[in-house]
Amino acid sequence: MDKEGPLEERGSLDRSRLRRGLVLAVAISAATLIVISLATLDRETFSAISDLSPGFLILAAALSLGRWLWSVVRMRLLIAATGKSISWRNILKTVYAGYFTGLITPLRAGGVTGEMFFLYEYGLGAGEAVAVVSFGACISTALLMLLFPFAIWIARSYIDLSLSIQGVLFSALAVGLLYLVLVLWAILRPHATVGKTLLDHSPAFLRKRDWYRRFLARLSAEIQSFAASLRQLVRIGKARLAAVVLLTLLYWFTGFLAIPMAVIGLGYGSYFWQAVVAQLVVHILMPFVPTPGGSGIGEVGFLYVYKSVLPDVGVAGLLTLIWRFVDFYLGLLVGGTAFILVMRDIGRSPRREESETAGEEPGETADKVSPPREEV
């Protein structure tokens, strides 16, 4: 296999595209928030501002940013299961930098791809990095799928869900189920002949190209590494698997509480549980918004959901501003700082330094799958 794996190509993280996504996301979000503020401003808005409790807003921000710490612990457990080790500090930077790349890319796709790239740069093999992030995402998706029927049932009791919103929610369910099926397929199906199978079914002019054969060989090797790493993760043991599930639940639960705390801070504590249900709907919808960071559509969707919960549209408009500040702008600040630190680490070539320390060639670790450790 060619020693320079696909994740090692620095072009896999297009910084210019990320900058464009950042500018576009912030511009659309700011413009939408201005329009929402002007359209929903009323007497109740000023009343809510006068009753505002800064302590609950600080708590909401802490919950929104702090929920990612559960992902840090979960990622540490999953990395240990592959037999590799990455420092807590680097995992912390990876998770928050992935939060940043997710916020500024369509469908938040940059979140998982960013984490994979950062883990690779910090020493995991390409297949191992994909397996760790994919397995964690699979657990999150499975839990959301289990919560989905309950969420729809209880949401109909508190929220006036239009047919379009219900359509998006059921589309999310279908996509989640498809993702789980694909991951299961990757675990169970043998992949030793992927490269040969693709080569046999490729056009004749491609089969003659050496670069194409090298690409298929590299792809086949990384798929094998990915599948082997996934199988290792599946066998992490009941205790570790239970810990991963618990940490995922804590991540979602902490995230669900952030905005309801802001609702209490605005003086509408009696609507706490309705706000929790509304936040569950928002969490399911946001990954399917096609604009970077969900800007524009996300603000309008949040306002639509919460105006069905809160007694005044002006308060819902104010809550939309608070939500975007807590979930988006603070995320850009903290995640952007982590992203800068990760890019600085990548500039120092951590993989090359670790490979030289271990007496390996750069990129060689991407071709190996280490046995799982007994302890974290």
Protein backbone atom coordinates (compact mmCIF):
# COMPACT_ATOMS: atom_id res chain seq x y z
CA MET A 1 0.00 0.00 0.00
CA ASP A 2 1.22 3.48 -0.77
CA LYS A 3 2.38 5.00 2.51
CA GLU A 4 0.68 8.31 2.05
CA GLY A 5 -2.90 7.58 3.05
CA PRO A 6 -5.87 9.68 1.95
CA LEU A 7 -6.24 11.49 5.26
CA GLU A 8 -2.61 12.47 5.17
CA GLU A 9 -3.18 14.67 2.17
CA ARG A 10 -3.52 18.13 3.67
CA GLY A 11 -6.07 18.99 1.00
CA SER A 12 -8.59 16.82 2.85
CA LEU A 13 -9.18 19.85 5.08
CA ASP A 14 -9.86 22.76 2.73
CA ARG A 15 -9.14 25.84 4.83
CA SER A 16 -10.32 28.29 2.18
CA ARG A 17 -13.66 26.46 2.01
CA LEU A 18 -13.90 26.60 5.81
CA ARG A 19 -13.27 30.37 5.72
CA ARG A 20 -16.00 30.83 3.14
CA GLY A 21 -18.33 28.70 5.23
CA LEU A 22 -17.55 30.78 8.33
CA VAL A 23 -18.24 34.08 6.59
CA LEU A 24 -21.41 32.77 4.97
CA ALA A 25 -22.74 31.21 8.17
CA VAL A 26 -22.16 34.32 10.27
CA ALA A 27 -23.54 36.69 7.61
CA ILE A 28 -26.75 34.71 7.03
CA SER A 29 -27.27 34.14 10.75
CA ALA A 30 -26.77 37.81 11.66
CA ALA A 31 -29.09 39.00 8.90
CA THR A 32 -31.78 36.49 9.90
CA LEU A 33 -31.55 37.42 13.58
CA ILE A 34 -31.95 41.11 12.73
CA VAL A 35 -35.08 40.36 10.70
CA ILE A 36 -36.51 38.13 13.46
CA SER A 37 -35.80 40.81 16.09
CA LEU A 38 -37.56 43.51 14.09
CA ALA A 39 -40.51 41.25 13.23
CA THR A 40 -41.15 39.87 16.73
CA LEU A 41 -40.25 42.83 18.97
CA ASP A 42 -43.17 43.70 21.28
CA ARG A 43 -43.99 44.69 24.87
CA GLU A 44 -43.46 41.13 26.17
CA THR A 45 -39.94 41.18 24.75
CA PHE A 46 -38.97 44.17 26.90
CA SER A 47 -40.73 42.61 29.90
CA ALA A 48 -38.71 39.40 29.48
CA ILE A 49 -35.48 41.41 29.16
CA SER A 50 -36.26 43.29 32.39
CA ASP A 51 -36.90 39.98 34.22
CA LEU A 52 -33.80 38.36 32.71
CA SER A 53 -31.69 36.32 35.16
CA PRO A 54 -28.01 36.43 34.11
CA GLY A 55 -27.23 33.37 36.24
CA PHE A 56 -29.51 31.11 34.22
CA LEU A 57 -28.08 32.45 30.95
CA ILE A 58 -24.56 31.69 32.16
CA LEU A 59 -25.76 28.22 33.14
CA ALA A 60 -27.30 27.76 29.68
CA ALA A 61 -24.00 28.72 28.04
CA ALA A 62 -22.07 26.40 30.36
CA LEU A 63 -24.39 23.49 29.55
CA SER A 64 -24.21 24.15 25.80
CA LEU A 65 -20.42 24.26 25.74
CA GLY A 66 -19.87 21.74 28.54
CA ARG A 67 -21.87 18.96 26.91
CA TRP A 68 -18.90 18.32 24.62
CA LEU A 69 -16.82 17.21 27.61
CA TRP A 70 -18.88 14.01 27.67
CA SER A 71 -17.81 13.46 24.05
CA VAL A 72 -14.18 13.92 25.10
CA VAL A 73 -14.46 11.12 27.67
CA ARG A 74 -16.32 8.91 25.20
CA MET A 75 -13.71 9.45 22.50
CA ARG A 76 -10.97 8.57 24.99
CA LEU A 77 -12.68 5.24 25.74
CA LEU A 78 -13.10 4.41 22.06
CA ILE A 79 -9.51 5.34 21.19
CA ALA A 80 -8.24 3.11 24.00
CA ALA A 81 -10.25 0.23 22.54
CA THR A 82 -8.19 0.46 19.32
CA GLY A 83 -4.97 0.01 21.29
CA LYS A 84 -3.79 3.57 20.67
CA SER A 85 -3.45 6.50 23.05
CA ILE A 86 -3.98 10.23 22.53
CA SER A 87 -3.58 12.73 25.35
CA TRP A 88 -6.65 14.24 27.03
CA ARG A 89 -5.53 17.67 25.87
CA ASN A 90 -5.39 16.66 22.21
CA ILE A 91 -8.76 14.87 22.41
CA LEU A 92 -10.26 18.01 23.97
CA LYS A 93 -8.93 20.10 21.09
CA THR A 94 -10.16 17.52 18.57
CA VAL A 95 -13.73 17.52 19.89
CA TYR A 96 -14.10 21.30 20.10
CA ALA A 97 -12.34 21.86 16.77
CA GLY A 98 -14.78 19.34 15.26
CA TYR A 99 -17.60 21.33 16.82
CA PHE A 100 -16.25 24.39 15.00
CA THR A 101 -15.92 22.70 11.59
CA GLY A 102 -19.42 21.29 11.99
CA LEU A 103 -20.87 24.74 12.66
CA ILE A 104 -19.52 26.24 9.44
CA THR A 105 -20.28 23.42 6.98
CA PRO A 106 -23.56 22.39 5.30
CA LEU A 107 -25.47 19.63 7.12
CA ARG A 108 -22.78 19.91 9.82
CA ALA A 109 -20.83 17.34 7.81
CA GLY A 110 -17.53 19.00 8.67
CA GLY A 111 -17.92 17.95 12.29
CA VAL A 112 -17.32 14.22 11.85
CA THR A 113 -14.89 14.59 8.95
CA GLY A 114 -12.93 17.18 10.92
CA GLU A 115 -12.68 14.89 13.96
CA MET A 116 -11.48 12.03 11.75
CA PHE A 117 -8.79 14.22 10.21
CA PHE A 118 -7.63 15.59 13.57
CA LEU A 119 -7.47 12.12 15.17
CA TYR A 120 -5.42 10.90 12.22
CA GLU A 121 -2.99 13.79 12.65
CA TYR A 122 -2.69 13.00 16.35
CA GLY A 123 -1.58 9.44 15.67
CA LEU A 124 -4.49 7.12 14.78
CA GLY A 125 -4.50 5.19 11.54
CA ALA A 126 -6.91 6.45 8.90
CA GLY A 127 -9.26 3.47 9.30
CA GLU A 128 -9.03 3.70 13.09
CA ALA A 129 -9.91 7.41 13.09
CA VAL A 130 -12.93 6.80 10.87
CA ALA A 131 -13.99 3.84 13.02
CA VAL A 132 -13.76 5.76 16.32
CA VAL A 133 -15.81 8.71 15.05
CA SER A 134 -18.27 6.50 13.15
CA PHE A 135 -18.86 4.21 16.11
CA GLY A 136 -19.57 7.17 18.39
CA ALA A 137 -21.92 8.65 15.80
CA CYS A 138 -23.59 5.25 15.45
CA ILE A 139 -24.32 5.12 19.19
CA SER A 140 -25.74 8.66 19.09
CA THR A 141 -27.88 7.83 16.08
CA ALA A 142 -29.18 4.62 17.64
CA LEU A 143 -30.21 6.44 20.82
CA LEU A 144 -31.95 9.17 18.82
CA MET A 145 -33.79 6.52 16.82
CA LEU A 146 -34.99 4.92 20.06
CA LEU A 147 -36.12 8.32 21.36
CA PHE A 148 -37.72 9.31 18.09
CA PRO A 149 -41.21 7.71 18.51
CA PHE A 150 -41.45 9.10 22.05
CA ALA A 151 -40.33 12.53 20.85
CA ILE A 152 -42.98 12.65 18.10
CA TRP A 153 -45.71 11.40 20.42
CA ILE A 154 -45.00 13.88 23.19
CA ALA A 155 -44.20 16.77 20.79
CA ARG A 156 -47.68 16.54 19.31
CA SER A 157 -49.06 17.18 22.80
CA TYR A 158 -47.11 20.42 23.26
CA ILE A 159 -46.16 21.67 19.80
CA ASP A 160 -48.18 22.34 16.67
CA LEU A 161 -46.05 20.36 14.23
CA SER A 162 -46.86 21.11 10.62
CA LEU A 163 -46.79 18.39 7.98
CA SER A 164 -43.54 19.80 6.59
CA ILE A 165 -41.83 19.61 10.00
CA GLN A 166 -43.12 16.08 10.52
CA GLY A 167 -41.86 15.20 7.05
CA VAL A 168 -38.36 16.41 7.92
CA LEU A 169 -38.44 14.50 11.21
CA PHE A 170 -39.43 11.25 9.52
CA SER A 171 -36.79 11.86 6.84
CA ALA A 172 -34.26 12.18 9.68
CA LEU A 173 -35.47 8.82 11.00
CA ALA A 174 -34.98 7.21 7.58
CA VAL A 175 -31.47 8.65 7.19
CA GLY A 176 -30.53 7.51 10.69
CA LEU A 177 -31.72 3.98 10.02
CA LEU A 178 -29.81 3.91 6.72
CA TYR A 179 -26.65 5.02 8.52
CA LEU A 180 -27.02 2.26 11.11
CA VAL A 181 -27.52 -0.33 8.36
CA LEU A 182 -24.37 0.83 6.55
CA VAL A 183 -22.27 0.66 9.72
CA LEU A 184 -23.60 -2.84 10.46
CA TRP A 185 -22.76 -3.85 6.90
CA ALA A 186 -19.22 -2.51 7.34
CA ILE A 187 -18.79 -4.65 10.47
CA LEU A 188 -20.21 -7.89 9.13
CA ARG A 189 -19.16 -7.99 5.49
CA PRO A 190 -15.62 -9.09 4.51
CA HIS A 191 -13.70 -6.41 2.62
CA ALA A 192 -10.58 -8.22 1.48
CA THR A 193 -11.57 -8.14 -2.19
CA VAL A 194 -12.96 -4.59 -2.41
CA GLY A 195 -10.08 -3.32 -4.52
CA LYS A 196 -10.15 -6.31 -6.87
CA THR A 197 -13.95 -6.13 -7.22
CA LEU A 198 -13.87 -2.43 -8.10
CA LEU A 199 -10.97 -2.99 -10.50
CA ASP A 200 -12.83 -5.79 -12.30
CA HIS A 201 -15.89 -3.53 -12.78
CA SER A 202 -13.96 -0.40 -13.77
CA PRO A 203 -13.71 0.86 -17.37
CA ALA A 204 -10.80 -0.53 -19.33
CA PHE A 205 -9.03 2.84 -19.67
CA LEU A 206 -8.95 3.19 -15.86
CA ARG A 207 -7.74 -0.36 -15.21
CA LYS A 208 -4.59 0.41 -17.19
CA ARG A 209 -3.67 3.42 -15.06
CA ASP A 210 -1.11 2.80 -12.31
CA TRP A 211 -2.42 5.68 -10.19
CA TYR A 212 -5.90 4.13 -10.29
CA ARG A 213 -4.59 0.74 -9.19
CA ARG A 214 -2.67 2.39 -6.34
CA PHE A 215 -5.79 4.28 -5.34
CA LEU A 216 -7.89 1.09 -5.21
CA ALA A 217 -5.19 -0.71 -3.24
CA ARG A 218 -5.04 2.16 -0.74
CA LEU A 219 -8.84 2.31 -0.55
CA SER A 220 -9.09 -1.44 0.04
CA ALA A 221 -6.47 -1.33 2.80
CA GLU A 222 -8.18 1.58 4.57
CA ILE A 223 -11.59 -0.11 4.34
CA GLN A 224 -10.08 -3.22 5.91
CA SER A 225 -8.55 -1.09 8.66
CA PHE A 226 -11.89 0.67 9.20
CA ALA A 227 -13.83 -2.60 9.39
CA ALA A 228 -11.25 -4.23 11.66
CA SER A 229 -11.29 -1.21 13.99
CA LEU A 230 -15.08 -1.25 14.09
CA ARG A 231 -15.05 -4.94 14.99
CA GLN A 232 -12.57 -4.18 17.78
CA LEU A 233 -14.85 -1.44 19.06
CA VAL A 234 -17.88 -3.73 18.98
CA ARG A 235 -15.94 -6.14 21.23
CA ILE A 236 -14.96 -3.51 23.81
CA GLY A 237 -16.99 -5.31 26.47
CA LYS A 238 -20.29 -4.70 28.17
CA ALA A 239 -18.89 -2.32 30.80
CA ARG A 240 -17.18 -0.05 28.27
CA LEU A 241 -20.13 -0.18 25.89
CA ALA A 242 -22.45 0.77 28.74
CA ALA A 243 -20.10 3.65 29.61
CA VAL A 244 -20.13 4.85 25.99
CA VAL A 245 -23.95 4.72 25.91
CA LEU A 246 -24.18 6.55 29.25
CA LEU A 247 -21.77 9.27 28.11
CA THR A 248 -23.79 9.72 24.92
CA LEU A 249 -27.00 10.05 26.92
CA LEU A 250 -25.33 12.61 29.20
CA TYR A 251 -24.22 14.57 26.12
CA TRP A 252 -27.76 14.73 24.74
CA PHE A 253 -29.37 15.35 28.13
CA THR A 254 -26.98 18.21 28.89
CA GLY A 255 -27.66 19.72 25.47
CA PHE A 256 -31.41 19.45 25.92
CA LEU A 257 -31.23 21.37 29.21
CA ALA A 258 -29.34 24.41 27.92
CA ILE A 259 -32.19 26.33 26.30
CA PRO A 260 -34.83 25.32 28.89
CA MET A 261 -32.52 26.94 31.48
CA ALA A 262 -32.59 30.11 29.37
CA VAL A 263 -36.40 29.86 29.35
CA ILE A 264 -36.32 29.87 33.17
CA GLY A 265 -33.94 32.83 33.02
CA LEU A 266 -36.52 34.75 31.00
CA GLY A 267 -39.13 34.16 33.72
CA TYR A 268 -41.05 31.34 32.01
CA GLY A 269 -40.11 28.44 34.28
CA SER A 270 -43.56 26.87 33.97
CA TYR A 271 -42.72 26.06 30.33
CA PHE A 272 -39.54 24.14 31.23
CA TRP A 273 -40.63 20.67 30.11
CA GLN A 274 -42.28 21.97 26.95
CA ALA A 275 -38.97 23.65 26.15
CA VAL A 276 -37.13 20.32 26.68
CA VAL A 277 -39.46 18.64 24.15
CA ALA A 278 -39.03 21.54 21.72
CA GLN A 279 -35.26 21.29 22.07
CA LEU A 280 -35.39 17.59 21.20
CA VAL A 281 -37.21 18.49 17.97
CA VAL A 282 -34.63 21.21 17.20
CA HIS A 283 -31.73 18.78 17.79
CA ILE A 284 -33.23 16.30 15.34
CA LEU A 285 -33.88 18.97 12.70
CA MET A 286 -30.57 20.89 12.76
CA PRO A 287 -28.31 18.25 11.13
CA PHE A 288 -30.60 18.33 8.07
CA VAL A 289 -30.41 22.09 7.46
CA PRO A 290 -28.35 22.49 4.25
CA THR A 291 -26.85 25.92 4.97
CA PRO A 292 -23.51 26.28 6.83
CA GLY A 293 -24.21 26.16 10.56
CA GLY A 294 -27.93 25.91 9.84
CA SER A 295 -27.92 29.69 9.38
CA GLY A 296 -31.14 31.27 8.19
CA ILE A 297 -33.26 28.14 8.14
CA GLY A 298 -32.18 27.13 11.65
CA GLU A 299 -33.25 30.44 13.23
CA VAL A 300 -36.60 30.41 11.47
CA GLY A 301 -37.20 26.76 12.42
CA PHE A 302 -36.27 27.41 16.05
CA LEU A 303 -38.64 30.39 16.17
CA TYR A 304 -41.43 28.32 14.63
CA VAL A 305 -41.03 25.51 17.17
CA TYR A 306 -40.77 27.75 20.23
CA LYS A 307 -43.59 30.12 19.32
CA SER A 308 -45.81 27.04 19.61
CA VAL A 309 -44.51 26.52 23.14
CA LEU A 310 -44.14 30.01 24.63
CA PRO A 311 -47.15 32.31 25.12
CA ASP A 312 -45.73 35.25 23.15
CA VAL A 313 -43.90 35.41 19.83
CA GLY A 314 -41.76 38.29 21.12
CA VAL A 315 -40.35 36.06 23.87
CA ALA A 316 -39.77 33.30 21.30
CA GLY A 317 -37.87 35.80 19.14
CA LEU A 318 -35.70 36.83 22.10
CA LEU A 319 -35.05 33.17 22.94
CA THR A 320 -33.97 32.61 19.33
CA LEU A 321 -31.28 35.27 19.76
CA ILE A 322 -30.15 33.69 23.05
CA TRP A 323 -30.06 30.21 21.51
CA ARG A 324 -28.00 31.36 18.55
CA PHE A 325 -25.55 33.17 20.80
CA VAL A 326 -25.16 30.22 23.17
CA ASP A 327 -25.12 27.43 20.60
CA PHE A 328 -23.53 29.11 17.57
CA TYR A 329 -21.48 32.22 18.36
CA LEU A 330 -19.95 30.91 21.59
CA GLY A 331 -19.30 27.64 19.75
CA LEU A 332 -17.48 29.54 17.02
CA LEU A 333 -15.36 31.33 19.63
CA VAL A 334 -14.39 28.28 21.71
CA GLY A 335 -14.29 25.84 18.80
CA GLY A 336 -12.39 28.30 16.62
CA THR A 337 -9.73 28.65 19.33
CA ALA A 338 -9.43 24.86 19.50
CA PHE A 339 -9.23 24.69 15.69
CA ILE A 340 -6.35 27.19 15.65
CA LEU A 341 -4.51 25.13 18.28
CA VAL A 342 -5.04 21.93 16.27
CA MET A 343 -3.77 23.60 13.09
CA ARG A 344 -0.70 24.76 15.01
CA ASP A 345 -0.11 21.19 16.17
CA ILE A 346 -0.52 19.89 12.62
CA GLY A 347 2.03 22.46 11.47
CA ARG A 348 4.46 20.82 13.86
CA SER A 349 3.77 17.44 12.17
CA PRO A 350 2.82 15.35 15.22
CA ARG A 351 2.41 12.18 13.15
CA ARG A 352 5.89 12.50 11.70
CA GLU A 353 7.42 13.10 15.13
CA GLU A 354 5.58 10.13 16.67
CA SER A 355 6.51 7.87 13.76
CA GLU A 356 10.19 8.81 14.06
CA THR A 357 10.07 8.17 17.82
CA ALA A 358 8.62 4.72 17.22
CA GLY A 359 11.13 4.00 14.45
CA GLU A 360 8.47 3.97 11.72
CA GLU A 361 8.12 5.69 8.42
CA PRO A 362 5.65 8.61 8.29
CA GLY A 363 2.20 7.34 7.40
CA GLU A 364 3.05 3.76 8.39
CA THR A 365 0.75 3.88 11.40
CA ALA A 366 -2.19 4.35 9.08
CA ASP A 367 -1.67 0.83 7.76
CA LYS A 368 -1.73 -0.91 11.12
CA VAL A 369 -4.53 -1.99 13.40
CA SER A 370 -3.27 -2.48 16.95
CA PRO A 371 -4.86 -4.98 19.34
CA PRO A 372 -7.26 -3.53 21.90
CA ARG A 373 -5.97 -2.70 25.36
CA GLU A 374 -7.26 -4.30 28.50
CA GLU A 375 -7.54 -1.00 30.38
CA VAL A 376 -8.30 2.61 29.52
